[in-house]
Amino acid sequence: LKRHGWRKVMLRTKHPKKADDEAIEAQKISDTVRLLAIQNPTKRIRLMFQDEAGFGRINKAKLAGAKEGIVRAFHATIFANIGMFGAVEPMTGESFFLVIPYCNTKCMQLFLNRLHDEFPNDILVVVCDGATWHKSSKLEVPENMTILHIPPYTPEMNSIEQIWRELRTQGFRNEVFATLEKVVNRLCETIRHLSKKQSSALPVGSGCGAFLIGNSINSGMKKFN
């Protein structure tokens, strides 16, 4: 399948009303970018999709090769995980990732501040889901940033979801890590590996299908202790 440009996907049910919500939100995103471009003719407008994911010492078991009659197993006894915040600009493939211990308003604020520092001279349109820390009234959104939210239950609209899947597939298969530090190191290695590959083949959510992953992902991976 891969050789012929095909891939296996899990079909998802979709409520007709949700389809309308996606179309409305996609149009809102497009209108926002267009308006900001008119208001800031000398600035670069970046449309970035943001999300966070958890990576732990124990990962979901995947299929693995084995000789007939041999059962393969690994011990899984300790649960501990670390969070990763990320934002990707599908038009160029540029991205920024930050490893943070928790998913809450304070960590979201830290990520927005660091994202601003990464692109201080650009106007950022950050699209994310409706998580509590994404909508908190305590968030102080940087002046060069506008945050938009996709409708509930529409992860296919967020392009970065595909990045999380690639990270889990390439770096976290059938393995238990001795420490969280090793998890962070593997995250860094996998992100850098993605940055070296041609990533234009990464699928993008149907809700914003016009925005394609660029030729590469220029990682802005940062460790946070």
C-alpha atoms as a PDB file:
ATOM      1  CA  LEU A   1       0.000   0.000   0.000  1.00  0.00           C
ATOM      2  CA  LYS A   2       2.749   2.461   0.952  1.00  0.00           C
ATOM      3  CA  ARG A   3       4.578   1.853  -2.317  1.00  0.00           C
ATOM      4  CA  HIS A   4       1.480   2.904  -4.259  1.00  0.00           C
ATOM      5  CA  GLY A   5       0.779   5.953  -2.095  1.00  0.00           C
ATOM      6  CA  TRP A   6      -2.007   4.381  -0.027  1.00  0.00           C
ATOM      7  CA  ARG A   7      -2.399   3.976   3.724  1.00  0.00           C
ATOM      8  CA  LYS A   8      -4.757   2.203   6.130  1.00  0.00           C
ATOM      9  CA  VAL A   9      -7.162   4.474   8.006  1.00  0.00           C
ATOM     10  CA  MET A  10      -9.814   3.923  10.661  1.00  0.00           C
ATOM     11  CA  LEU A  11     -13.209   5.133   9.469  1.00  0.00           C
ATOM     12  CA  ARG A  12     -15.029   7.558  11.772  1.00  0.00           C
ATOM     13  CA  THR A  13     -18.701   8.393  12.056  1.00  0.00           C
ATOM     14  CA  LYS A  14     -19.553  12.012  11.446  1.00  0.00           C
ATOM     15  CA  HIS A  15     -22.697  13.872  12.430  1.00  0.00           C
ATOM     16  CA  PRO A  16     -24.104  16.094   9.631  1.00  0.00           C
ATOM     17  CA  LYS A  17     -24.230  19.125  11.942  1.00  0.00           C
ATOM     18  CA  LYS A  18     -20.559  18.688  12.811  1.00  0.00           C
ATOM     19  CA  ALA A  19     -19.714  18.887   9.122  1.00  0.00           C
ATOM     20  CA  ASP A  20     -21.423  22.291   9.014  1.00  0.00           C
ATOM     21  CA  ASP A  21     -19.485  23.394  12.108  1.00  0.00           C
ATOM     22  CA  GLU A  22     -16.204  22.413  10.449  1.00  0.00           C
ATOM     23  CA  ALA A  23     -17.016  24.392   7.317  1.00  0.00           C
ATOM     24  CA  ILE A  24     -17.950  27.469   9.366  1.00  0.00           C
ATOM     25  CA  GLU A  25     -14.792  27.288  11.470  1.00  0.00           C
ATOM     26  CA  ALA A  26     -12.570  26.685   8.430  1.00  0.00           C
ATOM     27  CA  GLN A  27     -14.047  29.800   6.830  1.00  0.00           C
ATOM     28  CA  LYS A  28     -13.495  31.761  10.063  1.00  0.00           C
ATOM     29  CA  ILE A  29      -9.829  30.732  10.106  1.00  0.00           C
ATOM     30  CA  SER A  30      -9.412  31.748   6.473  1.00  0.00           C
ATOM     31  CA  ASP A  31     -11.140  35.103   7.045  1.00  0.00           C
ATOM     32  CA  THR A  32      -9.001  35.831  10.107  1.00  0.00           C
ATOM     33  CA  VAL A  33      -5.756  35.185   8.240  1.00  0.00           C
ATOM     34  CA  ARG A  34      -6.914  37.332   5.319  1.00  0.00           C
ATOM     35  CA  LEU A  35      -7.949  40.226   7.605  1.00  0.00           C
ATOM     36  CA  LEU A  36      -4.670  40.167   9.542  1.00  0.00           C
ATOM     37  CA  ALA A  37      -2.756  40.194   6.259  1.00  0.00           C
ATOM     38  CA  ILE A  38      -4.633  43.341   5.205  1.00  0.00           C
ATOM     39  CA  GLN A  39      -4.092  45.002   8.589  1.00  0.00           C
ATOM     40  CA  ASN A  40      -0.398  44.101   8.698  1.00  0.00           C
ATOM     41  CA  PRO A  41       0.887  44.355   5.100  1.00  0.00           C
ATOM     42  CA  THR A  42       4.556  44.415   6.144  1.00  0.00           C
ATOM     43  CA  LYS A  43       4.354  41.459   8.533  1.00  0.00           C
ATOM     44  CA  ARG A  44       4.432  37.733   7.884  1.00  0.00           C
ATOM     45  CA  ILE A  45       1.242  35.925   8.894  1.00  0.00           C
ATOM     46  CA  ARG A  46       1.779  32.412  10.235  1.00  0.00           C
ATOM     47  CA  LEU A  47      -1.144  29.988  10.551  1.00  0.00           C
ATOM     48  CA  MET A  48      -0.111  27.466  13.190  1.00  0.00           C
ATOM     49  CA  PHE A  49      -1.955  24.458  14.608  1.00  0.00           C
ATOM     50  CA  GLN A  50      -1.322  23.812  18.316  1.00  0.00           C
ATOM     51  CA  ASP A  51      -1.926  20.864  20.602  1.00  0.00           C
ATOM     52  CA  GLU A  52      -0.293  18.825  23.334  1.00  0.00           C
ATOM     53  CA  ALA A  53       0.268  15.121  23.871  1.00  0.00           C
ATOM     54  CA  GLY A  54       1.485  12.848  26.629  1.00  0.00           C
ATOM     55  CA  PHE A  55       4.363  10.390  26.257  1.00  0.00           C
ATOM     56  CA  GLY A  56       5.175   7.875  28.979  1.00  0.00           C
ATOM     57  CA  ARG A  57       7.576   5.196  30.130  1.00  0.00           C
ATOM     58  CA  ILE A  58       5.069   2.527  29.063  1.00  0.00           C
ATOM     59  CA  ASN A  59       3.548   2.620  25.605  1.00  0.00           C
ATOM     60  CA  LYS A  60       0.706   0.770  23.928  1.00  0.00           C
ATOM     61  CA  ALA A  61       1.803  -2.591  22.571  1.00  0.00           C
ATOM     62  CA  LYS A  62       2.060  -2.813  18.767  1.00  0.00           C
ATOM     63  CA  LEU A  63       2.420  -5.717  16.366  1.00  0.00           C
ATOM     64  CA  ALA A  64       5.931  -7.190  16.219  1.00  0.00           C
ATOM     65  CA  GLY A  65       7.549 -10.013  14.289  1.00  0.00           C
ATOM     66  CA  ALA A  66       8.193 -13.395  15.973  1.00  0.00           C
ATOM     67  CA  LYS A  67       8.912 -16.951  14.951  1.00  0.00           C
ATOM     68  CA  GLU A  68       6.018 -19.385  15.034  1.00  0.00           C
ATOM     69  CA  GLY A  69       5.444 -20.762  18.527  1.00  0.00           C
ATOM     70  CA  ILE A  70       7.286 -17.921  20.275  1.00  0.00           C
ATOM     71  CA  VAL A  71       5.368 -15.402  22.390  1.00  0.00           C
ATOM     72  CA  ARG A  72       6.974 -11.988  22.800  1.00  0.00           C
ATOM     73  CA  ALA A  73       6.209  -9.882  25.874  1.00  0.00           C
ATOM     74  CA  PHE A  74       7.618  -6.955  27.831  1.00  0.00           C
ATOM     75  CA  HIS A  75       7.190  -5.977  31.485  1.00  0.00           C
ATOM     76  CA  ALA A  76       5.024  -2.935  32.151  1.00  0.00           C
ATOM     77  CA  THR A  77       4.809  -2.030  35.837  1.00  0.00           C
ATOM     78  CA  ILE A  78       5.513   1.695  36.332  1.00  0.00           C
ATOM     79  CA  PHE A  79       3.342   4.500  35.014  1.00  0.00           C
ATOM     80  CA  ALA A  80       4.876   7.951  34.501  1.00  0.00           C
ATOM     81  CA  ASN A  81       4.575  10.407  31.646  1.00  0.00           C
ATOM     82  CA  ILE A  82       5.668  13.794  30.362  1.00  0.00           C
ATOM     83  CA  GLY A  83       3.773  16.337  28.281  1.00  0.00           C
ATOM     84  CA  MET A  84       4.771  17.890  24.994  1.00  0.00           C
ATOM     85  CA  PHE A  85       3.263  21.129  23.675  1.00  0.00           C
ATOM     86  CA  GLY A  86       3.682  21.806  19.974  1.00  0.00           C
ATOM     87  CA  ALA A  87       2.670  24.098  17.133  1.00  0.00           C
ATOM     88  CA  VAL A  88       3.197  23.508  13.419  1.00  0.00           C
ATOM     89  CA  GLU A  89       2.762  25.773  10.403  1.00  0.00           C
ATOM     90  CA  PRO A  90       1.520  23.428   7.633  1.00  0.00           C
ATOM     91  CA  MET A  91       2.249  25.864   4.810  1.00  0.00           C
ATOM     92  CA  THR A  92       5.990  25.806   5.523  1.00  0.00           C
ATOM     93  CA  GLY A  93       6.468  22.836   7.860  1.00  0.00           C
ATOM     94  CA  GLU A  94       8.081  25.086  10.474  1.00  0.00           C
ATOM     95  CA  SER A  95       7.286  24.076  14.033  1.00  0.00           C
ATOM     96  CA  PHE A  96       8.035  24.625  17.699  1.00  0.00           C
ATOM     97  CA  PHE A  97       7.909  21.992  20.457  1.00  0.00           C
ATOM     98  CA  LEU A  98       8.330  22.296  24.203  1.00  0.00           C
ATOM     99  CA  VAL A  99       8.522  19.470  26.760  1.00  0.00           C
ATOM    100  CA  ILE A 100       6.546  20.500  29.856  1.00  0.00           C
ATOM    101  CA  PRO A 101       5.565  18.358  32.884  1.00  0.00           C
ATOM    102  CA  TYR A 102       1.844  19.182  32.925  1.00  0.00           C
ATOM    103  CA  CYS A 103      -1.106  20.302  30.826  1.00  0.00           C
ATOM    104  CA  ASN A 104      -2.625  23.319  32.573  1.00  0.00           C
ATOM    105  CA  THR A 105      -3.021  27.074  32.207  1.00  0.00           C
ATOM    106  CA  LYS A 106       0.433  27.917  33.589  1.00  0.00           C
ATOM    107  CA  CYS A 107       2.136  25.534  31.170  1.00  0.00           C
ATOM    108  CA  MET A 108       0.035  26.852  28.286  1.00  0.00           C
ATOM    109  CA  GLN A 109       1.111  30.373  29.198  1.00  0.00           C
ATOM    110  CA  LEU A 110       4.739  29.290  29.212  1.00  0.00           C
ATOM    111  CA  PHE A 111       4.340  27.708  25.789  1.00  0.00           C
ATOM    112  CA  LEU A 112       2.696  30.805  24.287  1.00  0.00           C
ATOM    113  CA  ASN A 113       5.472  32.994  25.671  1.00  0.00           C
ATOM    114  CA  ARG A 114       8.160  30.738  24.194  1.00  0.00           C
ATOM    115  CA  LEU A 115       6.278  30.524  20.884  1.00  0.00           C
ATOM    116  CA  HIS A 116       6.212  34.322  20.779  1.00  0.00           C
ATOM    117  CA  ASP A 117       9.958  34.423  21.446  1.00  0.00           C
ATOM    118  CA  GLU A 118      10.510  31.999  18.559  1.00  0.00           C
ATOM    119  CA  PHE A 119       8.611  34.213  16.072  1.00  0.00           C
ATOM    120  CA  PRO A 120       8.725  37.716  17.634  1.00  0.00           C
ATOM    121  CA  ASN A 121       8.381  39.649  14.362  1.00  0.00           C
ATOM    122  CA  ASP A 122       5.500  37.653  12.857  1.00  0.00           C
ATOM    123  CA  ILE A 123       1.736  37.650  13.351  1.00  0.00           C
ATOM    124  CA  LEU A 124       0.639  34.236  14.647  1.00  0.00           C
ATOM    125  CA  VAL A 125      -2.808  32.712  14.196  1.00  0.00           C
ATOM    126  CA  VAL A 126      -2.834  29.746  16.576  1.00  0.00           C
ATOM    127  CA  VAL A 127      -5.581  27.155  16.042  1.00  0.00           C
ATOM    128  CA  CYS A 128      -6.252  24.729  18.893  1.00  0.00           C
ATOM    129  CA  ASP A 129      -9.028  22.638  20.427  1.00  0.00           C
ATOM    130  CA  GLY A 130     -11.338  23.595  23.284  1.00  0.00           C
ATOM    131  CA  ALA A 131      -9.266  22.293  26.206  1.00  0.00           C
ATOM    132  CA  THR A 132      -9.796  24.242  29.429  1.00  0.00           C
ATOM    133  CA  TRP A 133      -6.270  25.667  29.463  1.00  0.00           C
ATOM    134  CA  HIS A 134      -6.703  26.864  25.866  1.00  0.00           C
ATOM    135  CA  LYS A 135      -9.677  29.033  26.840  1.00  0.00           C
ATOM    136  CA  SER A 136      -8.712  30.116  30.347  1.00  0.00           C
ATOM    137  CA  SER A 137      -9.446  33.740  31.199  1.00  0.00           C
ATOM    138  CA  LYS A 138      -6.097  33.810  33.012  1.00  0.00           C
ATOM    139  CA  LEU A 139      -4.147  33.372  29.787  1.00  0.00           C
ATOM    140  CA  GLU A 140      -2.235  36.458  28.690  1.00  0.00           C
ATOM    141  CA  VAL A 141      -2.060  36.063  24.929  1.00  0.00           C
ATOM    142  CA  PRO A 142       0.960  37.852  23.387  1.00  0.00           C
ATOM    143  CA  GLU A 143       0.132  40.910  21.272  1.00  0.00           C
ATOM    144  CA  ASN A 144       1.283  39.287  18.032  1.00  0.00           C
ATOM    145  CA  MET A 145      -0.945  36.251  18.533  1.00  0.00           C
ATOM    146  CA  THR A 146      -4.602  35.387  17.829  1.00  0.00           C
ATOM    147  CA  ILE A 147      -6.061  32.139  19.192  1.00  0.00           C
ATOM    148  CA  LEU A 148      -8.913  30.344  17.408  1.00  0.00           C
ATOM    149  CA  HIS A 149     -10.666  27.164  18.533  1.00  0.00           C
ATOM    150  CA  ILE A 150     -11.914  24.281  16.388  1.00  0.00           C
ATOM    151  CA  PRO A 151     -15.370  22.766  17.101  1.00  0.00           C
ATOM    152  CA  PRO A 152     -15.643  19.929  19.659  1.00  0.00           C
ATOM    153  CA  TYR A 153     -14.819  16.387  18.508  1.00  0.00           C
ATOM    154  CA  THR A 154     -13.082  17.500  15.303  1.00  0.00           C
ATOM    155  CA  PRO A 155      -9.413  16.475  15.757  1.00  0.00           C
ATOM    156  CA  GLU A 156      -9.210  15.976  11.982  1.00  0.00           C
ATOM    157  CA  MET A 157      -9.175  19.783  11.678  1.00  0.00           C
ATOM    158  CA  ASN A 158      -5.927  20.015  13.640  1.00  0.00           C
ATOM    159  CA  SER A 159      -2.928  19.165  11.456  1.00  0.00           C
ATOM    160  CA  ILE A 160      -0.574  18.553  14.387  1.00  0.00           C
ATOM    161  CA  GLU A 161      -2.544  15.415  15.316  1.00  0.00           C
ATOM    162  CA  GLN A 162      -0.734  13.711  12.446  1.00  0.00           C
ATOM    163  CA  ILE A 163       2.626  14.689  13.952  1.00  0.00           C
ATOM    164  CA  TRP A 164       1.741  12.998  17.256  1.00  0.00           C
ATOM    165  CA  ARG A 165       0.857   9.825  15.389  1.00  0.00           C
ATOM    166  CA  GLU A 166       4.174   9.858  13.525  1.00  0.00           C
ATOM    167  CA  LEU A 167       6.095  10.400  16.774  1.00  0.00           C
ATOM    168  CA  ARG A 168       4.396   7.431  18.435  1.00  0.00           C
ATOM    169  CA  THR A 169       4.869   5.227  15.387  1.00  0.00           C
ATOM    170  CA  GLN A 170       8.535   6.015  14.860  1.00  0.00           C
ATOM    171  CA  GLY A 171       9.800   6.468  18.411  1.00  0.00           C
ATOM    172  CA  PHE A 172       7.493   4.699  20.848  1.00  0.00           C
ATOM    173  CA  ARG A 173       6.709   1.143  19.754  1.00  0.00           C
ATOM    174  CA  ASN A 174       6.826  -1.838  22.139  1.00  0.00           C
ATOM    175  CA  GLU A 175       9.300  -0.226  24.494  1.00  0.00           C
ATOM    176  CA  VAL A 176       9.509   0.559  28.214  1.00  0.00           C
ATOM    177  CA  PHE A 177      11.815   3.414  29.272  1.00  0.00           C
ATOM    178  CA  ALA A 178      13.819   3.248  32.501  1.00  0.00           C
ATOM    179  CA  THR A 179      13.384   6.948  33.309  1.00  0.00           C
ATOM    180  CA  LEU A 180      11.396   9.977  32.138  1.00  0.00           C
ATOM    181  CA  GLU A 181      14.681  11.530  31.014  1.00  0.00           C
ATOM    182  CA  LYS A 182      15.008   8.712  28.476  1.00  0.00           C
ATOM    183  CA  VAL A 183      11.474   9.471  27.279  1.00  0.00           C
ATOM    184  CA  VAL A 184      12.423  13.132  26.738  1.00  0.00           C
ATOM    185  CA  ASN A 185      15.602  12.126  24.917  1.00  0.00           C
ATOM    186  CA  ARG A 186      13.637   9.834  22.616  1.00  0.00           C
ATOM    187  CA  LEU A 187      11.179  12.650  21.911  1.00  0.00           C
ATOM    188  CA  CYS A 188      14.055  14.928  20.929  1.00  0.00           C
ATOM    189  CA  GLU A 189      15.614  12.256  18.708  1.00  0.00           C
ATOM    190  CA  THR A 190      12.329  11.453  16.975  1.00  0.00           C
ATOM    191  CA  ILE A 191      11.475  15.107  16.350  1.00  0.00           C
ATOM    192  CA  ARG A 192      14.917  15.684  14.842  1.00  0.00           C
ATOM    193  CA  HIS A 193      14.489  12.557  12.724  1.00  0.00           C
ATOM    194  CA  LEU A 194      11.208  13.934  11.386  1.00  0.00           C
ATOM    195  CA  SER A 195      12.939  17.236  10.611  1.00  0.00           C
ATOM    196  CA  LYS A 196      15.401  15.457   8.323  1.00  0.00           C
ATOM    197  CA  LYS A 197      12.783  13.517   6.380  1.00  0.00           C
ATOM    198  CA  GLN A 198      10.609  14.737   3.563  1.00  0.00           C
ATOM    199  CA  SER A 199       7.363  15.288   5.477  1.00  0.00           C
ATOM    200  CA  SER A 200       5.117  16.440   2.670  1.00  0.00           C
ATOM    201  CA  ALA A 201       3.437  13.007   2.713  1.00  0.00           C
ATOM    202  CA  LEU A 202       2.010  13.557   6.205  1.00  0.00           C
ATOM    203  CA  PRO A 203      -1.793  13.710   5.851  1.00  0.00           C
ATOM    204  CA  VAL A 204      -3.622  16.863   6.914  1.00  0.00           C
ATOM    205  CA  GLY A 205      -7.080  16.992   8.465  1.00  0.00           C
ATOM    206  CA  SER A 206     -10.031  17.312   6.116  1.00  0.00           C
ATOM    207  CA  GLY A 207     -11.322  20.416   7.873  1.00  0.00           C
ATOM    208  CA  CYS A 208      -8.372  22.471   6.598  1.00  0.00           C
ATOM    209  CA  GLY A 209      -7.363  20.369   3.626  1.00  0.00           C
ATOM    210  CA  ALA A 210      -5.983  23.369   1.755  1.00  0.00           C
ATOM    211  CA  PHE A 211      -3.076  23.646   4.171  1.00  0.00           C
ATOM    212  CA  LEU A 212      -0.364  21.104   3.312  1.00  0.00           C
ATOM    213  CA  ILE A 213       2.631  20.044   5.361  1.00  0.00           C
ATOM    214  CA  GLY A 214       5.765  21.575   3.826  1.00  0.00           C
ATOM    215  CA  ASN A 215       8.907  19.791   2.670  1.00  0.00           C
ATOM    216  CA  SER A 216      10.373  19.513   6.147  1.00  0.00           C
ATOM    217  CA  ILE A 217       9.702  20.171   9.804  1.00  0.00           C
ATOM    218  CA  ASN A 218      12.262  22.600  11.189  1.00  0.00           C
ATOM    219  CA  SER A 219      12.165  21.525  14.805  1.00  0.00           C
ATOM    220  CA  GLY A 220      12.152  24.076  17.600  1.00  0.00           C
ATOM    221  CA  MET A 221      12.463  21.356  20.239  1.00  0.00           C
ATOM    222  CA  LYS A 222      13.254  22.670  23.702  1.00  0.00           C
ATOM    223  CA  LYS A 223      13.732  20.837  26.986  1.00  0.00           C
ATOM    224  CA  PHE A 224      12.102  22.279  30.079  1.00  0.00           C
ATOM    225  CA  ASN A 225      13.022  21.156  33.600  1.00  0.00           C
END
